C-alpha cells in the first residue's frame, strides 16, 4: 500500500529538478478562474435553454476545457488522479525507489 504523505514529500524534493512549464500552469489557472467566473451565467443560460447565449460565452469559460496535468512534468496524458502525476513520472519514481511499497511487478 502506498503512503500518500511519503509521495508528497518526495514530490516536494523533486520539485527543484522537474518543473512543469510555467505557461501551461498559467493557462490552467486562467481557465479555472474563467470557468468559475461564468459558472452562474452558464447555469442560468442552460436552464433557460438559450444555446445561442451559451455559444457567445468565451470558450475557456467551459469547465470541460480544463486539463489535469502532471504536477512535475506538466504532461496531460496518462494522468493518475490519486497521485496527481503522470503514469510515466510514477514509473520513473517507482523504479528509482522514491515510492515505497511499489515494485516493478505491481504496475
N, C-alpha and C. Protein backbone atom coordinates (compact mmCIF):
# COMPACT_ATOMS: atom_id res chain seq x y z
N UNK A 1 0.84 -1.18 0.00
CA UNK A 1 0.00 0.00 0.00
C UNK A 1 0.89 1.25 0.00
N UNK A 2 0.52 2.20 -0.80
CA UNK A 2 1.32 3.41 -0.93
C UNK A 2 0.96 4.42 0.14
N UNK A 3 1.93 5.09 0.63
CA UNK A 3 1.71 6.13 1.62
C UNK A 3 1.69 7.48 0.90
N UNK A 4 0.56 8.13 0.90
CA UNK A 4 0.40 9.38 0.17
C UNK A 4 1.28 10.49 0.74
N UNK A 5 1.45 10.52 2.06
CA UNK A 5 2.31 11.55 2.67
C UNK A 5 3.76 11.40 2.21
N UNK A 6 4.23 10.18 2.10
CA UNK A 6 5.59 9.95 1.63
C UNK A 6 5.75 10.40 0.19
N UNK A 7 4.73 10.12 -0.63
CA UNK A 7 4.78 10.53 -2.03
C UNK A 7 4.81 12.05 -2.14
N UNK A 8 4.02 12.73 -1.34
CA UNK A 8 4.00 14.19 -1.36
C UNK A 8 5.36 14.73 -0.95
N UNK A 9 5.98 14.13 0.05
CA UNK A 9 7.31 14.54 0.49
C UNK A 9 8.33 14.41 -0.65
N UNK A 10 8.29 13.27 -1.35
CA UNK A 10 9.22 13.06 -2.44
C UNK A 10 8.94 14.00 -3.61
N UNK A 11 7.67 14.32 -3.82
CA UNK A 11 7.34 15.27 -4.89
C UNK A 11 7.92 16.64 -4.59
N UNK A 12 7.91 17.03 -3.31
CA UNK A 12 8.48 18.32 -2.93
C UNK A 12 9.98 18.33 -3.17
N UNK A 13 10.63 17.20 -2.93
CA UNK A 13 12.06 17.12 -3.16
C UNK A 13 12.36 17.22 -4.66
N UNK A 14 11.57 16.54 -5.46
CA UNK A 14 11.80 16.54 -6.91
C UNK A 14 11.38 17.83 -7.58
N UNK A 15 10.68 18.68 -6.86
CA UNK A 15 10.18 19.92 -7.44
C UNK A 15 11.32 20.79 -7.96
N UNK A 16 12.46 20.71 -7.33
CA UNK A 16 13.58 21.53 -7.78
C UNK A 16 14.19 21.00 -9.08
N UNK A 17 14.12 19.68 -9.31
CA UNK A 17 14.73 19.13 -10.51
C UNK A 17 13.76 19.10 -11.70
N UNK A 18 12.48 18.95 -11.45
CA UNK A 18 11.47 18.94 -12.51
C UNK A 18 10.52 20.11 -12.28
N UNK A 19 10.07 20.70 -13.33
CA UNK A 19 9.03 21.72 -13.21
C UNK A 19 8.20 21.72 -14.48
N UNK A 20 6.90 21.76 -14.31
CA UNK A 20 6.04 21.92 -15.47
C UNK A 20 6.25 23.32 -16.02
N UNK A 21 6.04 23.47 -17.30
CA UNK A 21 6.23 24.78 -17.89
C UNK A 21 5.28 25.77 -17.25
N UNK A 22 5.81 26.92 -16.91
CA UNK A 22 5.01 27.92 -16.22
C UNK A 22 3.86 28.42 -17.08
N UNK A 23 4.06 28.44 -18.39
CA UNK A 23 2.99 28.91 -19.27
C UNK A 23 1.81 27.94 -19.23
N UNK A 24 2.08 26.64 -19.13
CA UNK A 24 1.00 25.65 -19.05
C UNK A 24 0.22 25.83 -17.75
N UNK A 25 0.95 26.03 -16.68
CA UNK A 25 0.31 26.20 -15.39
C UNK A 25 -0.52 27.48 -15.39
N UNK A 26 0.01 28.54 -15.96
CA UNK A 26 -0.71 29.81 -16.02
C UNK A 26 -1.99 29.67 -16.84
N UNK A 27 -1.92 28.92 -17.94
CA UNK A 27 -3.11 28.70 -18.77
C UNK A 27 -4.19 27.97 -18.00
N UNK A 28 -3.79 26.95 -17.25
CA UNK A 28 -4.77 26.19 -16.48
C UNK A 28 -5.40 27.04 -15.38
N UNK A 29 -4.61 27.89 -14.74
CA UNK A 29 -5.14 28.78 -13.71
C UNK A 29 -6.12 29.76 -14.32
N UNK A 30 -5.78 30.27 -15.49
CA UNK A 30 -6.66 31.22 -16.19
C UNK A 30 -7.98 30.55 -16.56
N UNK A 31 -7.91 29.32 -17.06
CA UNK A 31 -9.13 28.59 -17.42
C UNK A 31 -10.00 28.33 -16.20
N UNK A 32 -9.37 27.97 -15.08
CA UNK A 32 -10.13 27.70 -13.86
C UNK A 32 -10.83 28.96 -13.36
N UNK A 33 -10.12 30.11 -13.40
CA UNK A 33 -10.74 31.37 -12.98
C UNK A 33 -11.91 31.74 -13.88
N UNK A 34 -11.73 31.58 -15.19
CA UNK A 34 -12.79 31.94 -16.12
C UNK A 34 -13.99 31.02 -15.98
N UNK A 35 -13.76 29.73 -15.76
CA UNK A 35 -14.87 28.80 -15.57
C UNK A 35 -15.65 29.15 -14.32
N UNK A 36 -14.95 29.54 -13.27
CA UNK A 36 -15.60 29.93 -12.03
C UNK A 36 -16.39 31.23 -12.21
N UNK A 37 -15.83 32.15 -12.96
CA UNK A 37 -16.46 33.45 -13.18
C UNK A 37 -17.79 33.32 -13.93
N UNK A 38 -17.83 32.44 -14.94
CA UNK A 38 -19.02 32.30 -15.77
C UNK A 38 -19.92 31.14 -15.37
N UNK A 39 -19.65 30.47 -14.27
CA UNK A 39 -20.42 29.29 -13.88
C UNK A 39 -21.90 29.61 -13.66
N UNK A 40 -22.20 30.69 -12.94
CA UNK A 40 -23.60 31.04 -12.67
C UNK A 40 -24.33 31.43 -13.96
N UNK A 41 -23.67 32.21 -14.79
CA UNK A 41 -24.29 32.64 -16.05
C UNK A 41 -24.52 31.43 -16.95
N UNK A 42 -23.56 30.51 -16.99
CA UNK A 42 -23.69 29.30 -17.81
C UNK A 42 -24.86 28.44 -17.32
N UNK A 43 -25.00 28.30 -16.01
CA UNK A 43 -26.11 27.51 -15.45
C UNK A 43 -27.46 28.16 -15.77
N UNK A 44 -27.51 29.48 -15.67
CA UNK A 44 -28.77 30.19 -15.97
C UNK A 44 -29.14 30.03 -17.44
N UNK A 45 -28.18 30.18 -18.34
CA UNK A 45 -28.46 30.03 -19.77
C UNK A 45 -28.87 28.61 -20.12
N UNK A 46 -28.27 27.62 -19.46
CA UNK A 46 -28.66 26.23 -19.71
C UNK A 46 -30.08 25.98 -19.24
N UNK A 47 -30.43 26.52 -18.07
CA UNK A 47 -31.78 26.33 -17.54
C UNK A 47 -32.83 26.97 -18.45
N UNK A 48 -32.50 28.13 -19.04
CA UNK A 48 -33.43 28.81 -19.94
C UNK A 48 -33.46 28.16 -21.32
N UNK A 49 -32.47 27.36 -21.64
CA UNK A 49 -32.39 26.74 -22.95
C UNK A 49 -31.85 27.68 -24.01
N UNK A 50 -31.15 28.72 -23.60
CA UNK A 50 -30.59 29.71 -24.52
C UNK A 50 -29.21 29.24 -25.00
N UNK A 51 -29.21 28.40 -26.02
CA UNK A 51 -27.96 27.84 -26.52
C UNK A 51 -27.17 28.85 -27.36
N UNK A 52 -27.87 29.83 -27.91
CA UNK A 52 -27.17 30.90 -28.64
C UNK A 52 -26.36 31.73 -27.66
N UNK A 53 -26.95 32.04 -26.50
CA UNK A 53 -26.24 32.77 -25.46
C UNK A 53 -25.05 31.99 -24.93
N UNK A 54 -25.22 30.66 -24.82
CA UNK A 54 -24.11 29.82 -24.38
C UNK A 54 -22.96 29.85 -25.38
N UNK A 55 -23.29 29.87 -26.65
CA UNK A 55 -22.24 29.87 -27.66
C UNK A 55 -21.48 31.19 -27.71
N UNK A 56 -22.06 32.24 -27.16
CA UNK A 56 -21.40 33.54 -27.15
C UNK A 56 -20.44 33.71 -25.97
N UNK A 57 -20.51 32.82 -25.00
CA UNK A 57 -19.59 32.88 -23.87
C UNK A 57 -18.18 32.52 -24.34
N UNK A 58 -17.15 32.99 -23.66
CA UNK A 58 -15.78 32.62 -24.05
C UNK A 58 -15.57 31.11 -23.97
N UNK A 59 -14.78 30.58 -24.87
CA UNK A 59 -14.55 29.13 -24.91
C UNK A 59 -13.95 28.60 -23.61
N UNK A 60 -13.01 29.32 -23.06
CA UNK A 60 -12.34 28.84 -21.86
C UNK A 60 -13.21 28.95 -20.61
N UNK A 61 -14.43 29.47 -20.75
CA UNK A 61 -15.32 29.52 -19.60
C UNK A 61 -16.01 28.18 -19.37
N UNK A 62 -15.86 27.26 -20.29
CA UNK A 62 -16.44 25.93 -20.15
C UNK A 62 -15.51 25.09 -19.28
N UNK A 63 -16.01 24.49 -18.20
CA UNK A 63 -15.14 23.70 -17.32
C UNK A 63 -14.57 22.46 -18.00
N UNK A 64 -15.16 22.02 -19.11
CA UNK A 64 -14.62 20.86 -19.83
C UNK A 64 -13.28 21.16 -20.48
N UNK A 65 -12.92 22.42 -20.64
CA UNK A 65 -11.67 22.80 -21.29
C UNK A 65 -10.47 22.71 -20.34
N UNK A 66 -10.73 22.51 -19.06
CA UNK A 66 -9.63 22.40 -18.10
C UNK A 66 -9.02 21.01 -18.20
N UNK A 67 -7.70 20.91 -18.02
CA UNK A 67 -6.98 19.65 -18.14
C UNK A 67 -6.36 19.28 -16.81
N UNK A 68 -6.30 17.99 -16.58
CA UNK A 68 -5.49 17.50 -15.47
C UNK A 68 -4.08 17.36 -16.00
N UNK A 69 -3.11 17.90 -15.29
CA UNK A 69 -1.73 17.83 -15.72
C UNK A 69 -0.86 17.30 -14.59
N UNK A 70 0.19 16.62 -14.97
CA UNK A 70 1.19 16.14 -14.01
C UNK A 70 1.80 17.34 -13.30
N UNK A 71 1.88 17.27 -11.99
CA UNK A 71 2.40 18.39 -11.20
C UNK A 71 3.91 18.57 -11.39
N UNK A 72 4.59 17.55 -11.87
CA UNK A 72 6.04 17.63 -12.02
C UNK A 72 6.43 18.00 -13.45
N UNK A 73 5.89 17.27 -14.42
CA UNK A 73 6.32 17.48 -15.81
C UNK A 73 5.34 18.31 -16.63
N UNK A 74 4.10 18.44 -16.19
CA UNK A 74 3.11 19.18 -16.95
C UNK A 74 2.44 18.34 -18.02
N UNK A 75 2.71 17.06 -18.06
CA UNK A 75 2.16 16.16 -19.08
C UNK A 75 0.67 15.95 -18.86
N UNK A 76 -0.18 16.16 -19.91
CA UNK A 76 -1.62 15.97 -19.74
C UNK A 76 -2.08 14.53 -19.95
N UNK A 77 -1.27 13.71 -20.61
CA UNK A 77 -1.67 12.34 -20.93
C UNK A 77 -1.24 11.38 -19.83
N UNK A 78 -2.01 10.33 -19.62
CA UNK A 78 -1.66 9.31 -18.64
C UNK A 78 -1.66 9.83 -17.22
N UNK A 79 -2.58 10.73 -16.90
CA UNK A 79 -2.64 11.37 -15.58
C UNK A 79 -3.27 10.43 -14.57
N UNK A 80 -2.63 10.27 -13.42
CA UNK A 80 -3.16 9.43 -12.34
C UNK A 80 -3.69 10.36 -11.25
N UNK A 81 -5.01 10.43 -11.12
CA UNK A 81 -5.63 11.38 -10.19
C UNK A 81 -5.25 11.13 -8.74
N UNK A 82 -5.08 9.88 -8.38
CA UNK A 82 -4.76 9.53 -6.99
C UNK A 82 -3.46 10.18 -6.53
N UNK A 83 -2.51 10.33 -7.45
CA UNK A 83 -1.20 10.86 -7.10
C UNK A 83 -0.94 12.26 -7.64
N UNK A 84 -1.70 12.68 -8.64
CA UNK A 84 -1.50 14.00 -9.23
C UNK A 84 -0.30 14.05 -10.17
N UNK A 85 0.14 12.89 -10.64
CA UNK A 85 1.28 12.84 -11.55
C UNK A 85 0.94 11.93 -12.73
N UNK A 86 1.76 12.00 -13.77
CA UNK A 86 1.53 11.17 -14.95
C UNK A 86 2.05 9.75 -14.71
N UNK A 87 1.60 8.85 -15.54
CA UNK A 87 1.99 7.45 -15.44
C UNK A 87 3.50 7.28 -15.62
N UNK A 88 4.06 8.02 -16.54
CA UNK A 88 5.50 7.91 -16.81
C UNK A 88 6.31 8.39 -15.61
N UNK A 89 5.91 9.50 -15.01
CA UNK A 89 6.60 10.01 -13.83
C UNK A 89 6.47 9.03 -12.67
N UNK A 90 5.29 8.43 -12.54
CA UNK A 90 5.07 7.43 -11.49
C UNK A 90 6.03 6.26 -11.66
N UNK A 91 6.17 5.78 -12.91
CA UNK A 91 7.07 4.65 -13.16
C UNK A 91 8.53 5.02 -12.88
N UNK A 92 8.93 6.22 -13.28
CA UNK A 92 10.31 6.65 -13.02
C UNK A 92 10.58 6.74 -11.52
N UNK A 93 9.62 7.30 -10.78
CA UNK A 93 9.80 7.43 -9.34
C UNK A 93 9.80 6.07 -8.66
N UNK A 94 8.94 5.16 -9.12
CA UNK A 94 8.89 3.83 -8.53
C UNK A 94 10.16 3.05 -8.84
N UNK A 95 10.68 3.20 -10.04
CA UNK A 95 11.91 2.49 -10.42
C UNK A 95 13.11 2.96 -9.61
N UNK A 96 13.13 4.25 -9.30
CA UNK A 96 14.25 4.77 -8.52
C UNK A 96 14.06 4.61 -7.02
N UNK A 97 12.93 4.01 -6.61
CA UNK A 97 12.71 3.72 -5.19
C UNK A 97 12.14 4.88 -4.39
N UNK A 98 11.62 5.90 -5.05
CA UNK A 98 11.08 7.05 -4.33
C UNK A 98 9.67 6.81 -3.79
N UNK A 99 8.99 5.79 -4.30
CA UNK A 99 7.65 5.47 -3.82
C UNK A 99 7.74 4.14 -3.09
N UNK A 100 7.61 4.17 -1.77
CA UNK A 100 7.77 2.92 -1.01
C UNK A 100 6.61 1.96 -1.24
N UNK A 101 6.91 0.68 -1.26
CA UNK A 101 5.88 -0.34 -1.39
C UNK A 101 5.50 -0.66 -2.82
N UNK A 102 6.12 -0.05 -3.79
CA UNK A 102 5.79 -0.30 -5.19
C UNK A 102 6.97 -1.05 -5.81
N UNK A 103 6.65 -2.20 -6.39
CA UNK A 103 7.67 -2.99 -7.09
C UNK A 103 7.32 -2.95 -8.57
N UNK A 104 8.29 -3.29 -9.38
CA UNK A 104 8.08 -3.23 -10.83
C UNK A 104 6.92 -4.13 -11.26
N UNK A 105 6.72 -5.23 -10.59
CA UNK A 105 5.65 -6.14 -10.96
C UNK A 105 4.26 -5.62 -10.59
N UNK A 106 4.19 -4.58 -9.73
CA UNK A 106 2.89 -4.12 -9.25
C UNK A 106 2.23 -3.10 -10.17
N UNK A 107 2.95 -2.57 -11.16
CA UNK A 107 2.31 -1.67 -12.09
C UNK A 107 2.22 -2.32 -13.41
